[in-house]
Amino acid sequence: MDTPVRIQTPLLEYGVMQLKVGDRVLLSGPVFTARDAAHKRLIELIRQGKELPFDLRGSVIYYVGPAPPKPGMALGSAGPTSSYRMDPYTPALLDRGLKGMIGKGQRGPEVVQSIQTNKAVYFAATGGAGALLSMAIKASQTIAYDDLGPEAIRRLTVVDLPVIVVNDCHGNDLYTQGRRQFEITA
């Protein structure tokens, strides 16, 4: 089995361009959390021409609403949520410099095209493994929308967060390619 690629955030375009679907990645550095409600607020700030709570350029957003931390942990269980719910907001964030997203499930065609256009990457984290994934989170700080509780925007510090490239900046989609391997041709 291939050795995982180690990547540091914020992501640089050159590094993103080297990634291919199916690559196993160990991600380290700052990662921001945001789910549906936070995305809606970010888009509203963009529409109003206001400053966002963090710099999107090179950033990675993890679609997660983590559980409260247990003693000695930065966060509790932190498994990915279904990414399609962020699809309506994603192209606008990618256009402003977002370089990576972490979630689970397939993205819509408009998002896949925007990932390619903006030379970004979509990673999948293993659903159902939130307790294991939280072990890679070394620090957590709420930076915006505290009223959203678990869905507030947090700045996480991660070390070797295990993810897989699902959509690369070359237009490839691991879910589509995976299905093709098992299709029966007549």
C-alpha atoms as a PDB file:
ATOM      1  CA  MET A   1       0.000   0.000   0.000  1.00  0.00           C
ATOM      2  CA  ASP A   2       1.235   3.496  -0.802  1.00  0.00           C
ATOM      3  CA  THR A   3       2.783   5.618   1.908  1.00  0.00           C
ATOM      4  CA  PRO A   4       0.573   8.554   2.917  1.00  0.00           C
ATOM      5  CA  VAL A   5       1.557  12.010   1.700  1.00  0.00           C
ATOM      6  CA  ARG A   6       2.262  14.473   4.525  1.00  0.00           C
ATOM      7  CA  ILE A   7       0.835  17.938   3.878  1.00  0.00           C
ATOM      8  CA  GLN A   8       1.025  21.122   5.923  1.00  0.00           C
ATOM      9  CA  THR A   9      -1.675  23.802   5.937  1.00  0.00           C
ATOM     10  CA  PRO A  10      -2.268  26.411   4.687  1.00  0.00           C
ATOM     11  CA  LEU A  11      -2.270  24.665   1.331  1.00  0.00           C
ATOM     12  CA  LEU A  12      -0.164  25.989  -1.507  1.00  0.00           C
ATOM     13  CA  GLU A  13      -1.330  25.699  -5.114  1.00  0.00           C
ATOM     14  CA  TYR A  14       1.770  23.796  -6.150  1.00  0.00           C
ATOM     15  CA  GLY A  15       1.165  21.134  -3.479  1.00  0.00           C
ATOM     16  CA  VAL A  16      -2.519  20.827  -4.329  1.00  0.00           C
ATOM     17  CA  MET A  17      -1.652  20.288  -7.984  1.00  0.00           C
ATOM     18  CA  GLN A  18       0.496  17.260  -7.035  1.00  0.00           C
ATOM     19  CA  LEU A  19      -2.424  15.463  -5.358  1.00  0.00           C
ATOM     20  CA  LYS A  20      -4.417  12.813  -7.189  1.00  0.00           C
ATOM     21  CA  VAL A  21      -7.659  11.025  -6.325  1.00  0.00           C
ATOM     22  CA  GLY A  22      -7.049   8.105  -4.021  1.00  0.00           C
ATOM     23  CA  ASP A  23      -3.958   9.657  -2.415  1.00  0.00           C
ATOM     24  CA  ARG A  24      -3.859   9.010   1.311  1.00  0.00           C
ATOM     25  CA  VAL A  25      -2.875  12.183   3.133  1.00  0.00           C
ATOM     26  CA  LEU A  26      -1.809  13.026   6.674  1.00  0.00           C
ATOM     27  CA  LEU A  27      -2.801  16.656   7.132  1.00  0.00           C
ATOM     28  CA  SER A  28      -1.153  18.893   9.748  1.00  0.00           C
ATOM     29  CA  GLY A  29      -1.553  22.555  10.692  1.00  0.00           C
ATOM     30  CA  PRO A  30      -4.500  24.886  11.128  1.00  0.00           C
ATOM     31  CA  VAL A  31      -7.897  23.688   9.857  1.00  0.00           C
ATOM     32  CA  PHE A  32     -11.194  25.541  10.303  1.00  0.00           C
ATOM     33  CA  THR A  33     -14.531  23.936  11.138  1.00  0.00           C
ATOM     34  CA  ALA A  34     -17.797  25.038   9.544  1.00  0.00           C
ATOM     35  CA  ARG A  35     -21.106  23.420   8.745  1.00  0.00           C
ATOM     36  CA  ASP A  36     -24.348  24.594   7.098  1.00  0.00           C
ATOM     37  CA  ALA A  37     -25.311  27.472   9.375  1.00  0.00           C
ATOM     38  CA  ALA A  38     -21.770  28.869   9.516  1.00  0.00           C
ATOM     39  CA  HIS A  39     -21.454  28.633   5.718  1.00  0.00           C
ATOM     40  CA  LYS A  40     -24.679  30.577   5.313  1.00  0.00           C
ATOM     41  CA  ARG A  41     -23.289  33.337   7.551  1.00  0.00           C
ATOM     42  CA  LEU A  42     -19.980  33.419   5.674  1.00  0.00           C
ATOM     43  CA  ILE A  43     -21.812  33.888   2.371  1.00  0.00           C
ATOM     44  CA  GLU A  44     -23.904  36.676   3.889  1.00  0.00           C
ATOM     45  CA  LEU A  45     -20.712  38.473   4.971  1.00  0.00           C
ATOM     46  CA  ILE A  46     -19.362  38.111   1.433  1.00  0.00           C
ATOM     47  CA  ARG A  47     -22.604  39.536  -0.022  1.00  0.00           C
ATOM     48  CA  GLN A  48     -22.350  42.487   2.377  1.00  0.00           C
ATOM     49  CA  GLY A  49     -18.703  43.073   1.485  1.00  0.00           C
ATOM     50  CA  LYS A  50     -17.620  42.467   5.080  1.00  0.00           C
ATOM     51  CA  GLU A  51     -14.490  40.763   6.387  1.00  0.00           C
ATOM     52  CA  LEU A  52     -14.665  37.052   7.128  1.00  0.00           C
ATOM     53  CA  PRO A  53     -13.652  35.675  10.553  1.00  0.00           C
ATOM     54  CA  PHE A  54     -10.600  33.946   9.004  1.00  0.00           C
ATOM     55  CA  ASP A  55      -8.506  34.268   5.862  1.00  0.00           C
ATOM     56  CA  LEU A  56      -9.745  31.823   3.248  1.00  0.00           C
ATOM     57  CA  ARG A  57      -6.539  31.913   1.198  1.00  0.00           C
ATOM     58  CA  GLY A  58      -4.961  28.469   1.384  1.00  0.00           C
ATOM     59  CA  SER A  59      -7.342  27.403   4.156  1.00  0.00           C
ATOM     60  CA  VAL A  60      -8.985  24.039   4.698  1.00  0.00           C
ATOM     61  CA  ILE A  61     -12.520  23.751   6.096  1.00  0.00           C
ATOM     62  CA  TYR A  62     -13.526  20.579   7.925  1.00  0.00           C
ATOM     63  CA  TYR A  63     -17.268  19.917   7.786  1.00  0.00           C
ATOM     64  CA  VAL A  64     -17.682  18.845  11.388  1.00  0.00           C
ATOM     65  CA  GLY A  65     -19.742  19.626  14.482  1.00  0.00           C
ATOM     66  CA  PRO A  66     -17.535  18.092  17.167  1.00  0.00           C
ATOM     67  CA  ALA A  67     -18.696  16.736  20.505  1.00  0.00           C
ATOM     68  CA  PRO A  68     -17.513  18.398  23.734  1.00  0.00           C
ATOM     69  CA  PRO A  69     -14.006  17.357  24.800  1.00  0.00           C
ATOM     70  CA  LYS A  70     -13.243  14.728  27.378  1.00  0.00           C
ATOM     71  CA  PRO A  71     -10.558  15.579  29.951  1.00  0.00           C
ATOM     72  CA  GLY A  72      -7.172  15.912  28.303  1.00  0.00           C
ATOM     73  CA  MET A  73      -8.622  16.208  24.780  1.00  0.00           C
ATOM     74  CA  ALA A  74      -8.915  19.287  22.559  1.00  0.00           C
ATOM     75  CA  LEU A  75     -12.310  18.066  21.271  1.00  0.00           C
ATOM     76  CA  GLY A  76     -14.610  15.121  21.576  1.00  0.00           C
ATOM     77  CA  SER A  77     -15.659  12.937  18.683  1.00  0.00           C
ATOM     78  CA  ALA A  78     -15.071  14.848  15.445  1.00  0.00           C
ATOM     79  CA  GLY A  79     -16.406  12.856  12.516  1.00  0.00           C
ATOM     80  CA  PRO A  80     -17.170  14.427   9.133  1.00  0.00           C
ATOM     81  CA  THR A  81     -20.651  15.455   8.084  1.00  0.00           C
ATOM     82  CA  SER A  82     -22.235  15.042   4.635  1.00  0.00           C
ATOM     83  CA  SER A  83     -20.588  17.542   2.329  1.00  0.00           C
ATOM     84  CA  TYR A  84     -23.423  18.008  -0.169  1.00  0.00           C
ATOM     85  CA  ARG A  85     -25.142  20.316   2.328  1.00  0.00           C
ATOM     86  CA  MET A  86     -22.325  22.849   1.821  1.00  0.00           C
ATOM     87  CA  ASP A  87     -22.459  22.639  -1.992  1.00  0.00           C
ATOM     88  CA  PRO A  88     -24.587  25.793  -2.465  1.00  0.00           C
ATOM     89  CA  TYR A  89     -21.930  27.855  -0.630  1.00  0.00           C
ATOM     90  CA  THR A  90     -18.698  26.195  -1.710  1.00  0.00           C
ATOM     91  CA  PRO A  91     -17.985  27.806  -5.121  1.00  0.00           C
ATOM     92  CA  ALA A  92     -18.111  31.327  -3.628  1.00  0.00           C
ATOM     93  CA  LEU A  93     -15.607  30.306  -0.934  1.00  0.00           C
ATOM     94  CA  LEU A  94     -13.333  28.595  -3.446  1.00  0.00           C
ATOM     95  CA  ASP A  95     -13.412  31.722  -5.617  1.00  0.00           C
ATOM     96  CA  ARG A  96     -12.044  33.644  -2.605  1.00  0.00           C
ATOM     97  CA  GLY A  97      -9.099  31.344  -1.992  1.00  0.00           C
ATOM     98  CA  LEU A  98     -10.339  28.305  -0.054  1.00  0.00           C
ATOM     99  CA  LYS A  99      -8.014  25.450  -1.082  1.00  0.00           C
ATOM    100  CA  GLY A 100      -9.342  22.406   0.731  1.00  0.00           C
ATOM    101  CA  MET A 101     -12.406  20.841   2.272  1.00  0.00           C
ATOM    102  CA  ILE A 102     -12.831  17.738   4.413  1.00  0.00           C
ATOM    103  CA  GLY A 103     -16.116  15.890   4.675  1.00  0.00           C
ATOM    104  CA  LYS A 104     -17.834  12.730   3.537  1.00  0.00           C
ATOM    105  CA  GLY A 105     -19.848  11.913   0.457  1.00  0.00           C
ATOM    106  CA  GLN A 106     -19.903  13.034  -3.126  1.00  0.00           C
ATOM    107  CA  ARG A 107     -19.918  16.676  -4.260  1.00  0.00           C
ATOM    108  CA  GLY A 108     -22.204  18.122  -6.916  1.00  0.00           C
ATOM    109  CA  PRO A 109     -21.013  18.883 -10.467  1.00  0.00           C
ATOM    110  CA  GLU A 110     -20.791  22.650  -9.839  1.00  0.00           C
ATOM    111  CA  VAL A 111     -18.515  22.093  -6.836  1.00  0.00           C
ATOM    112  CA  VAL A 112     -16.340  19.580  -8.719  1.00  0.00           C
ATOM    113  CA  GLN A 113     -15.938  22.132 -11.531  1.00  0.00           C
ATOM    114  CA  SER A 114     -15.140  24.902  -9.038  1.00  0.00           C
ATOM    115  CA  ILE A 115     -12.520  22.700  -7.362  1.00  0.00           C
ATOM    116  CA  GLN A 116     -10.865  22.249 -10.744  1.00  0.00           C
ATOM    117  CA  THR A 117     -11.147  25.924 -11.735  1.00  0.00           C
ATOM    118  CA  ASN A 118      -9.743  27.139  -8.418  1.00  0.00           C
ATOM    119  CA  LYS A 119      -7.065  24.437  -8.125  1.00  0.00           C
ATOM    120  CA  ALA A 120      -8.411  23.133  -4.833  1.00  0.00           C
ATOM    121  CA  VAL A 121      -8.948  19.688  -3.305  1.00  0.00           C
ATOM    122  CA  TYR A 122     -11.730  17.820  -1.525  1.00  0.00           C
ATOM    123  CA  PHE A 123     -10.706  15.252   1.055  1.00  0.00           C
ATOM    124  CA  ALA A 124     -12.850  12.582   2.676  1.00  0.00           C
ATOM    125  CA  ALA A 125     -12.445  11.591   6.298  1.00  0.00           C
ATOM    126  CA  THR A 126     -13.808   8.255   7.455  1.00  0.00           C
ATOM    127  CA  GLY A 127     -17.384   8.558   8.661  1.00  0.00           C
ATOM    128  CA  GLY A 128     -18.105   6.742  11.904  1.00  0.00           C
ATOM    129  CA  ALA A 129     -14.522   7.194  13.113  1.00  0.00           C
ATOM    130  CA  GLY A 130     -15.021  10.521  14.911  1.00  0.00           C
ATOM    131  CA  ALA A 131     -13.382   9.390  18.155  1.00  0.00           C
ATOM    132  CA  LEU A 132     -10.304   8.214  16.263  1.00  0.00           C
ATOM    133  CA  LEU A 133     -10.152  11.370  14.135  1.00  0.00           C
ATOM    134  CA  SER A 134     -10.352  13.572  17.244  1.00  0.00           C
ATOM    135  CA  MET A 135      -7.028  12.117  18.385  1.00  0.00           C
ATOM    136  CA  ALA A 136      -5.336  14.092  15.560  1.00  0.00           C
ATOM    137  CA  ILE A 137      -6.795  17.360  16.913  1.00  0.00           C
ATOM    138  CA  LYS A 138      -4.289  18.932  19.283  1.00  0.00           C
ATOM    139  CA  ALA A 139      -5.947  22.328  19.899  1.00  0.00           C
ATOM    140  CA  SER A 140      -9.321  24.002  19.321  1.00  0.00           C
ATOM    141  CA  GLN A 141     -10.364  27.630  19.600  1.00  0.00           C
ATOM    142  CA  THR A 142     -13.802  29.041  18.742  1.00  0.00           C
ATOM    143  CA  ILE A 143     -13.277  32.050  16.471  1.00  0.00           C
ATOM    144  CA  ALA A 144     -16.816  32.879  15.284  1.00  0.00           C
ATOM    145  CA  TYR A 145     -20.504  32.177  15.816  1.00  0.00           C
ATOM    146  CA  ASP A 146     -20.291  30.781  19.342  1.00  0.00           C
ATOM    147  CA  ASP A 147     -24.113  30.850  19.381  1.00  0.00           C
ATOM    148  CA  LEU A 148     -24.071  27.902  16.944  1.00  0.00           C
ATOM    149  CA  GLY A 149     -22.667  25.605  19.638  1.00  0.00           C
ATOM    150  CA  PRO A 150     -20.982  22.585  18.036  1.00  0.00           C
ATOM    151  CA  GLU A 151     -21.392  24.225  14.631  1.00  0.00           C
ATOM    152  CA  ALA A 152     -19.434  27.369  15.577  1.00  0.00           C
ATOM    153  CA  ILE A 153     -16.360  28.117  13.504  1.00  0.00           C
ATOM    154  CA  ARG A 154     -13.276  26.782  15.249  1.00  0.00           C
ATOM    155  CA  ARG A 155      -9.601  26.964  14.441  1.00  0.00           C
ATOM    156  CA  LEU A 156      -8.194  23.507  14.985  1.00  0.00           C
ATOM    157  CA  THR A 157      -4.580  22.492  15.091  1.00  0.00           C
ATOM    158  CA  VAL A 158      -4.293  19.013  13.618  1.00  0.00           C
ATOM    159  CA  VAL A 159      -1.346  16.645  13.414  1.00  0.00           C
ATOM    160  CA  ASP A 160      -1.504  13.808  10.897  1.00  0.00           C
ATOM    161  CA  LEU A 161      -5.266  13.942  10.350  1.00  0.00           C
ATOM    162  CA  PRO A 162      -5.896  10.977   8.001  1.00  0.00           C
ATOM    163  CA  VAL A 163      -7.846  11.897   4.854  1.00  0.00           C
ATOM    164  CA  ILE A 164      -8.172  10.667   1.266  1.00  0.00           C
ATOM    165  CA  VAL A 165      -8.269  12.808  -1.893  1.00  0.00           C
ATOM    166  CA  VAL A 166     -11.734  12.431  -3.409  1.00  0.00           C
ATOM    167  CA  ASN A 167     -11.745  15.345  -5.885  1.00  0.00           C
ATOM    168  CA  ASP A 168      -8.449  16.628  -7.209  1.00  0.00           C
ATOM    169  CA  CYS A 169      -7.812  19.859  -9.090  1.00  0.00           C
ATOM    170  CA  HIS A 170      -7.568  17.921 -12.358  1.00  0.00           C
ATOM    171  CA  GLY A 171     -11.303  17.160 -12.407  1.00  0.00           C
ATOM    172  CA  ASN A 172     -11.059  13.582 -11.148  1.00  0.00           C
ATOM    173  CA  ASP A 173     -13.634  12.091  -8.766  1.00  0.00           C
ATOM    174  CA  LEU A 174     -12.803   9.033  -6.658  1.00  0.00           C
ATOM    175  CA  TYR A 175     -16.476   8.103  -6.210  1.00  0.00           C
ATOM    176  CA  THR A 176     -17.062   8.087  -9.973  1.00  0.00           C
ATOM    177  CA  GLN A 177     -13.866   6.157 -10.663  1.00  0.00           C
ATOM    178  CA  GLY A 178     -14.642   3.671  -7.901  1.00  0.00           C
ATOM    179  CA  ARG A 179     -18.099   2.941  -9.293  1.00  0.00           C
ATOM    180  CA  ARG A 180     -16.655   2.372 -12.772  1.00  0.00           C
ATOM    181  CA  GLN A 181     -14.398  -0.387 -11.411  1.00  0.00           C
ATOM    182  CA  PHE A 182     -17.426  -2.424 -10.396  1.00  0.00           C
ATOM    183  CA  GLU A 183     -19.864  -1.701 -13.237  1.00  0.00           C
ATOM    184  CA  ILE A 184     -20.833  -4.670 -15.329  1.00  0.00           C
ATOM    185  CA  THR A 185     -20.561  -4.015 -19.027  1.00  0.00           C
ATOM    186  CA  ALA A 186     -22.836  -5.878 -21.381  1.00  0.00           C
END
